[in-house]
PDB file of all heavy atoms in Angstrom:
ATOM      1  N   PHE A   1       4.642 -17.456   4.390  1.00  0.00           N
ATOM      2  CA  PHE A   1       4.749 -16.039   4.052  1.00  0.00           C
ATOM      3  C   PHE A   1       5.573 -15.830   2.778  1.00  0.00           C
ATOM      4  O   PHE A   1       5.260 -14.950   1.968  1.00  0.00           O
ATOM      5  CB  PHE A   1       5.352 -15.265   5.226  1.00  0.00           C
ATOM      6  CG  PHE A   1       4.413 -15.126   6.389  1.00  0.00           C
ATOM      7  CD1 PHE A   1       4.504 -15.974   7.484  1.00  0.00           C
ATOM      8  CD2 PHE A   1       3.415 -14.166   6.379  1.00  0.00           C
ATOM      9  CE1 PHE A   1       3.625 -15.869   8.549  1.00  0.00           C
ATOM     10  CE2 PHE A   1       2.526 -14.054   7.435  1.00  0.00           C
ATOM     11  CZ  PHE A   1       2.624 -14.900   8.522  1.00  0.00           C
ATOM     12  N   THR A   2       6.585 -16.657   2.581  1.00  0.00           N
ATOM     13  CA  THR A   2       7.411 -16.535   1.380  1.00  0.00           C
ATOM     14  C   THR A   2       6.615 -16.910   0.137  1.00  0.00           C
ATOM     15  O   THR A   2       6.780 -16.291  -0.921  1.00  0.00           O
ATOM     16  CB  THR A   2       8.653 -17.437   1.495  1.00  0.00           C
ATOM     17  OG1 THR A   2       9.426 -17.032   2.641  1.00  0.00           O
ATOM     18  CG2 THR A   2       9.532 -17.336   0.259  1.00  0.00           C
ATOM     19  N   SER A   3       5.744 -17.895   0.259  1.00  0.00           N
ATOM     20  CA  SER A   3       4.971 -18.348  -0.903  1.00  0.00           C
ATOM     21  C   SER A   3       4.059 -17.252  -1.443  1.00  0.00           C
ATOM     22  O   SER A   3       3.622 -17.315  -2.599  1.00  0.00           O
ATOM     23  CB  SER A   3       4.137 -19.577  -0.538  1.00  0.00           C
ATOM     24  OG  SER A   3       3.094 -19.249   0.360  1.00  0.00           O
ATOM     25  N   GLN A   4       3.763 -16.254  -0.631  1.00  0.00           N
ATOM     26  CA  GLN A   4       2.858 -15.189  -1.052  1.00  0.00           C
ATOM     27  C   GLN A   4       3.572 -13.948  -1.587  1.00  0.00           C
ATOM     28  O   GLN A   4       2.915 -13.007  -2.043  1.00  0.00           O
ATOM     29  CB  GLN A   4       1.938 -14.798   0.107  1.00  0.00           C
ATOM     30  CG  GLN A   4       1.035 -15.934   0.534  1.00  0.00           C
ATOM     31  CD  GLN A   4       0.044 -15.518   1.601  1.00  0.00           C
ATOM     32  OE1 GLN A   4      -1.138 -15.373   1.357  1.00  0.00           O
ATOM     33  NE2 GLN A   4       0.554 -15.319   2.797  1.00  0.00           N
ATOM     34  N   VAL A   5       4.899 -13.954  -1.524  1.00  0.00           N
ATOM     35  CA  VAL A   5       5.655 -12.791  -2.000  1.00  0.00           C
ATOM     36  C   VAL A   5       5.340 -12.453  -3.462  1.00  0.00           C
ATOM     37  O   VAL A   5       5.099 -11.290  -3.799  1.00  0.00           O
ATOM     38  CB  VAL A   5       7.168 -12.991  -1.786  1.00  0.00           C
ATOM     39  CG1 VAL A   5       7.980 -11.926  -2.524  1.00  0.00           C
ATOM     40  CG2 VAL A   5       7.507 -12.965  -0.295  1.00  0.00           C
ATOM     41  N   PRO A   6       5.309 -13.434  -4.382  1.00  0.00           N
ATOM     42  CA  PRO A   6       5.044 -13.093  -5.795  1.00  0.00           C
ATOM     43  C   PRO A   6       3.670 -12.473  -6.031  1.00  0.00           C
ATOM     44  O   PRO A   6       3.470 -11.756  -7.016  1.00  0.00           O
ATOM     45  CB  PRO A   6       5.158 -14.447  -6.513  1.00  0.00           C
ATOM     46  CG  PRO A   6       5.988 -15.299  -5.619  1.00  0.00           C
ATOM     47  CD  PRO A   6       5.610 -14.879  -4.233  1.00  0.00           C
ATOM     48  N   ASP A   7       2.708 -12.755  -5.142  1.00  0.00           N
ATOM     49  CA  ASP A   7       1.346 -12.252  -5.329  1.00  0.00           C
ATOM     50  C   ASP A   7       1.047 -11.021  -4.469  1.00  0.00           C
ATOM     51  O   ASP A   7      -0.097 -10.587  -4.380  1.00  0.00           O
ATOM     52  CB  ASP A   7       0.333 -13.346  -4.969  1.00  0.00           C
ATOM     53  CG  ASP A   7       0.524 -14.604  -5.792  1.00  0.00           C
ATOM     54  OD1 ASP A   7       0.728 -14.474  -7.012  1.00  0.00           O
ATOM     55  OD2 ASP A   7       0.477 -15.711  -5.218  1.00  0.00           O
ATOM     56  N   SER A   8       2.061 -10.465  -3.841  1.00  0.00           N
ATOM     57  CA  SER A   8       1.844  -9.358  -2.913  1.00  0.00           C
ATOM     58  C   SER A   8       1.774  -8.016  -3.629  1.00  0.00           C
ATOM     59  O   SER A   8       2.358  -7.822  -4.698  1.00  0.00           O
ATOM     60  CB  SER A   8       2.957  -9.323  -1.864  1.00  0.00           C
ATOM     61  OG  SER A   8       4.211  -9.113  -2.480  1.00  0.00           O
ATOM     62  N   ARG A   9       1.044  -7.093  -3.018  1.00  0.00           N
ATOM     63  CA  ARG A   9       0.911  -5.730  -3.516  1.00  0.00           C
ATOM     64  C   ARG A   9       1.178  -4.757  -2.384  1.00  0.00           C
ATOM     65  O   ARG A   9       0.736  -4.969  -1.244  1.00  0.00           O
ATOM     66  CB  ARG A   9      -0.503  -5.482  -4.051  1.00  0.00           C
ATOM     67  CG  ARG A   9      -0.892  -6.317  -5.244  1.00  0.00           C
ATOM     68  CD  ARG A   9      -2.353  -6.105  -5.631  1.00  0.00           C
ATOM     69  NE  ARG A   9      -2.655  -4.694  -5.896  1.00  0.00           N
ATOM     70  CZ  ARG A   9      -3.860  -4.246  -6.251  1.00  0.00           C
ATOM     71  NH1 ARG A   9      -4.876  -5.092  -6.376  1.00  0.00           N
ATOM     72  NH2 ARG A   9      -4.057  -2.966  -6.482  1.00  0.00           N
ATOM     73  N   LEU A  10       1.899  -3.682  -2.676  1.00  0.00           N
ATOM     74  CA  LEU A  10       2.095  -2.643  -1.686  1.00  0.00           C
ATOM     75  C   LEU A  10       0.831  -1.792  -1.579  1.00  0.00           C
ATOM     76  O   LEU A  10       0.048  -1.696  -2.527  1.00  0.00           O
ATOM     77  CB  LEU A  10       3.290  -1.764  -2.058  1.00  0.00           C
ATOM     78  CG  LEU A  10       4.664  -2.451  -2.071  1.00  0.00           C
ATOM     79  CD1 LEU A  10       5.741  -1.466  -2.509  1.00  0.00           C
ATOM     80  CD2 LEU A  10       5.016  -3.037  -0.706  1.00  0.00           C
ATOM     81  N   TYR A  11       0.645  -1.184  -0.434  1.00  0.00           N
ATOM     82  CA  TYR A  11      -0.517  -0.343  -0.173  1.00  0.00           C
ATOM     83  C   TYR A  11      -0.226   1.085  -0.616  1.00  0.00           C
ATOM     84  O   TYR A  11       0.716   1.712  -0.141  1.00  0.00           O
ATOM     85  CB  TYR A  11      -0.836  -0.399   1.324  1.00  0.00           C
ATOM     86  CG  TYR A  11      -1.933   0.510   1.806  1.00  0.00           C
ATOM     87  CD1 TYR A  11      -3.171   0.555   1.177  1.00  0.00           C
ATOM     88  CD2 TYR A  11      -1.742   1.312   2.922  1.00  0.00           C
ATOM     89  CE1 TYR A  11      -4.183   1.370   1.639  1.00  0.00           C
ATOM     90  CE2 TYR A  11      -2.747   2.127   3.407  1.00  0.00           C
ATOM     91  CZ  TYR A  11      -3.968   2.168   2.761  1.00  0.00           C
ATOM     92  OH  TYR A  11      -4.966   2.978   3.231  1.00  0.00           O
ATOM     93  N   LEU A  12      -0.997   1.607  -1.562  1.00  0.00           N
ATOM     94  CA  LEU A  12      -0.863   2.968  -2.084  1.00  0.00           C
ATOM     95  C   LEU A  12       0.562   3.281  -2.542  1.00  0.00           C
ATOM     96  O   LEU A  12       1.142   4.301  -2.167  1.00  0.00           O
ATOM     97  CB  LEU A  12      -1.300   3.989  -1.017  1.00  0.00           C
ATOM     98  CG  LEU A  12      -2.743   3.884  -0.525  1.00  0.00           C
ATOM     99  CD1 LEU A  12      -2.989   4.865   0.610  1.00  0.00           C
ATOM    100  CD2 LEU A  12      -3.733   4.145  -1.661  1.00  0.00           C
ATOM    101  N   PRO A  13       1.160   2.427  -3.360  1.00  0.00           N
ATOM    102  CA  PRO A  13       2.544   2.656  -3.781  1.00  0.00           C
ATOM    103  C   PRO A  13       2.693   3.903  -4.645  1.00  0.00           C
ATOM    104  O   PRO A  13       1.962   4.095  -5.614  1.00  0.00           O
ATOM    105  CB  PRO A  13       2.878   1.387  -4.572  1.00  0.00           C
ATOM    106  CG  PRO A  13       1.562   0.923  -5.095  1.00  0.00           C
ATOM    107  CD  PRO A  13       0.570   1.251  -4.007  1.00  0.00           C
ATOM    108  N   HIS A  14       3.631   4.753  -4.262  1.00  0.00           N
ATOM    109  CA  HIS A  14       3.965   5.960  -5.021  1.00  0.00           C
ATOM    110  C   HIS A  14       2.765   6.877  -5.236  1.00  0.00           C
ATOM    111  O   HIS A  14       2.755   7.684  -6.169  1.00  0.00           O
ATOM    112  CB  HIS A  14       4.586   5.599  -6.370  1.00  0.00           C
ATOM    113  CG  HIS A  14       6.046   5.926  -6.446  1.00  0.00           C
ATOM    114  ND1 HIS A  14       6.518   7.191  -6.702  1.00  0.00           N
ATOM    115  CD2 HIS A  14       7.141   5.162  -6.289  1.00  0.00           C
ATOM    116  CE1 HIS A  14       7.848   7.188  -6.723  1.00  0.00           C
ATOM    117  NE2 HIS A  14       8.249   5.960  -6.448  1.00  0.00           N
ATOM    118  N   VAL A  15       1.778   6.769  -4.385  1.00  0.00           N
ATOM    119  CA  VAL A  15       0.626   7.666  -4.464  1.00  0.00           C
ATOM    120  C   VAL A  15       0.981   8.958  -3.736  1.00  0.00           C
ATOM    121  O   VAL A  15       1.477   8.926  -2.602  1.00  0.00           O
ATOM    122  CB  VAL A  15      -0.617   7.017  -3.826  1.00  0.00           C
ATOM    123  CG1 VAL A  15      -1.761   8.016  -3.702  1.00  0.00           C
ATOM    124  CG2 VAL A  15      -1.059   5.812  -4.650  1.00  0.00           C
ATOM    125  N   THR A  16       0.747  10.084  -4.372  1.00  0.00           N
ATOM    126  CA  THR A  16       1.046  11.373  -3.760  1.00  0.00           C
ATOM    127  C   THR A  16       0.291  11.526  -2.442  1.00  0.00           C
ATOM    128  O   THR A  16      -0.912  11.258  -2.370  1.00  0.00           O
ATOM    129  CB  THR A  16       0.655  12.519  -4.710  1.00  0.00           C
ATOM    130  OG1 THR A  16       1.364  12.366  -5.941  1.00  0.00           O
ATOM    131  CG2 THR A  16       0.982  13.875  -4.098  1.00  0.00           C
ATOM    132  N   ASN A  17       1.022  11.932  -1.398  1.00  0.00           N
ATOM    133  CA  ASN A  17       0.430  12.116  -0.067  1.00  0.00           C
ATOM    134  C   ASN A  17      -0.257  10.850   0.434  1.00  0.00           C
ATOM    135  O   ASN A  17      -1.330  10.908   1.058  1.00  0.00           O
ATOM    136  CB  ASN A  17      -0.566  13.282  -0.072  1.00  0.00           C
ATOM    137  CG  ASN A  17       0.096  14.622  -0.323  1.00  0.00           C
ATOM    138  OD1 ASN A  17       1.174  14.895   0.208  1.00  0.00           O
ATOM    139  ND2 ASN A  17      -0.514  15.464  -1.136  1.00  0.00           N
ATOM    140  N   ALA A  18       0.386   9.704   0.187  1.00  0.00           N
ATOM    141  CA  ALA A  18      -0.221   8.418   0.545  1.00  0.00           C
ATOM    142  C   ALA A  18      -0.539   8.317   2.036  1.00  0.00           C
ATOM    143  O   ALA A  18      -1.581   7.767   2.412  1.00  0.00           O
ATOM    144  CB  ALA A  18       0.705   7.281   0.128  1.00  0.00           C
ATOM    145  N   THR A  19       0.331   8.829   2.876  1.00  0.00           N
ATOM    146  CA  THR A  19       0.097   8.748   4.319  1.00  0.00           C
ATOM    147  C   THR A  19      -1.166   9.507   4.695  1.00  0.00           C
ATOM    148  O   THR A  19      -1.969   9.047   5.524  1.00  0.00           O
ATOM    149  CB  THR A  19       1.299   9.310   5.092  1.00  0.00           C
ATOM    150  OG1 THR A  19       2.472   8.571   4.743  1.00  0.00           O
ATOM    151  CG2 THR A  19       1.088   9.203   6.593  1.00  0.00           C
ATOM    152  N   GLN A  20      -1.374  10.671   4.072  1.00  0.00           N
ATOM    153  CA  GLN A  20      -2.572  11.456   4.347  1.00  0.00           C
ATOM    154  C   GLN A  20      -3.817  10.793   3.736  1.00  0.00           C
ATOM    155  O   GLN A  20      -4.911  10.878   4.298  1.00  0.00           O
ATOM    156  CB  GLN A  20      -2.416  12.879   3.796  1.00  0.00           C
ATOM    157  CG  GLN A  20      -1.436  13.750   4.576  1.00  0.00           C
ATOM    158  CD  GLN A  20       0.014  13.397   4.292  1.00  0.00           C
ATOM    159  OE1 GLN A  20       0.325  12.847   3.232  1.00  0.00           O
ATOM    160  NE2 GLN A  20       0.902  13.711   5.222  1.00  0.00           N
ATOM    161  N   VAL A  21      -3.651  10.153   2.579  1.00  0.00           N
ATOM    162  CA  VAL A  21      -4.773   9.430   1.976  1.00  0.00           C
ATOM    163  C   VAL A  21      -5.262   8.349   2.936  1.00  0.00           C
ATOM    164  O   VAL A  21      -6.472   8.166   3.134  1.00  0.00           O
ATOM    165  CB  VAL A  21      -4.369   8.808   0.623  1.00  0.00           C
ATOM    166  CG1 VAL A  21      -5.447   7.846   0.124  1.00  0.00           C
ATOM    167  CG2 VAL A  21      -4.129   9.901  -0.418  1.00  0.00           C
ATOM    168  N   ASP A  22      -4.323   7.659   3.535  1.00  0.00           N
ATOM    169  CA  ASP A  22      -4.679   6.613   4.496  1.00  0.00           C
ATOM    170  C   ASP A  22      -5.383   7.211   5.708  1.00  0.00           C
ATOM    171  O   ASP A  22      -6.473   6.779   6.082  1.00  0.00           O
ATOM    172  CB  ASP A  22      -3.429   5.861   4.937  1.00  0.00           C
ATOM    173  CG  ASP A  22      -3.714   4.838   6.024  1.00  0.00           C
ATOM    174  OD1 ASP A  22      -4.353   3.823   5.711  1.00  0.00           O
ATOM    175  OD2 ASP A  22      -3.310   5.060   7.183  1.00  0.00           O
ATOM    176  N   ALA A  23      -4.754   8.227   6.312  1.00  0.00           N
ATOM    177  CA  ALA A  23      -5.251   8.771   7.577  1.00  0.00           C
ATOM    178  C   ALA A  23      -6.519   9.599   7.422  1.00  0.00           C
ATOM    179  O   ALA A  23      -7.423   9.526   8.270  1.00  0.00           O
ATOM    180  CB  ALA A  23      -4.164   9.615   8.235  1.00  0.00           C
ATOM    181  N   ASN A  24      -6.592  10.382   6.352  1.00  0.00           N
ATOM    182  CA  ASN A  24      -7.693  11.336   6.215  1.00  0.00           C
ATOM    183  C   ASN A  24      -8.848  10.847   5.350  1.00  0.00           C
ATOM    184  O   ASN A  24      -9.925  11.444   5.359  1.00  0.00           O
ATOM    185  CB  ASN A  24      -7.166  12.650   5.633  1.00  0.00           C
ATOM    186  CG  ASN A  24      -6.105  13.290   6.508  1.00  0.00           C
ATOM    187  OD1 ASN A  24      -6.023  13.017   7.696  1.00  0.00           O
ATOM    188  ND2 ASN A  24      -5.276  14.131   5.926  1.00  0.00           N
ATOM    189  N   ALA A  25      -8.617   9.784   4.584  1.00  0.00           N
ATOM    190  CA  ALA A  25      -9.675   9.290   3.702  1.00  0.00           C
ATOM    191  C   ALA A  25     -10.026   7.832   3.957  1.00  0.00           C
ATOM    192  O   ALA A  25     -11.186   7.502   4.233  1.00  0.00           O
ATOM    193  CB  ALA A  25      -9.269   9.476   2.235  1.00  0.00           C
ATOM    194  N   TYR A  26      -9.023   6.946   3.888  1.00  0.00           N
ATOM    195  CA  TYR A  26      -9.345   5.521   3.936  1.00  0.00           C
ATOM    196  C   TYR A  26      -9.751   5.053   5.330  1.00  0.00           C
ATOM    197  O   TYR A  26     -10.764   4.354   5.481  1.00  0.00           O
ATOM    198  CB  TYR A  26      -8.162   4.690   3.426  1.00  0.00           C
ATOM    199  CG  TYR A  26      -8.561   3.276   3.074  1.00  0.00           C
ATOM    200  CD1 TYR A  26      -9.368   3.023   1.975  1.00  0.00           C
ATOM    201  CD2 TYR A  26      -8.153   2.196   3.854  1.00  0.00           C
ATOM    202  CE1 TYR A  26      -9.759   1.726   1.639  1.00  0.00           C
ATOM    203  CE2 TYR A  26      -8.534   0.892   3.535  1.00  0.00           C
ATOM    204  CZ  TYR A  26      -9.338   0.671   2.433  1.00  0.00           C
ATOM    205  OH  TYR A  26      -9.730  -0.604   2.111  1.00  0.00           O
TER     206      TYR A  26
END
């Protein structure tokens, strides 16, 4: 799991209303 830290991406980082984007769209 540590070896993958440099290649990791957050999900919808700093996207406005990200929680709603996930729940209502994705």
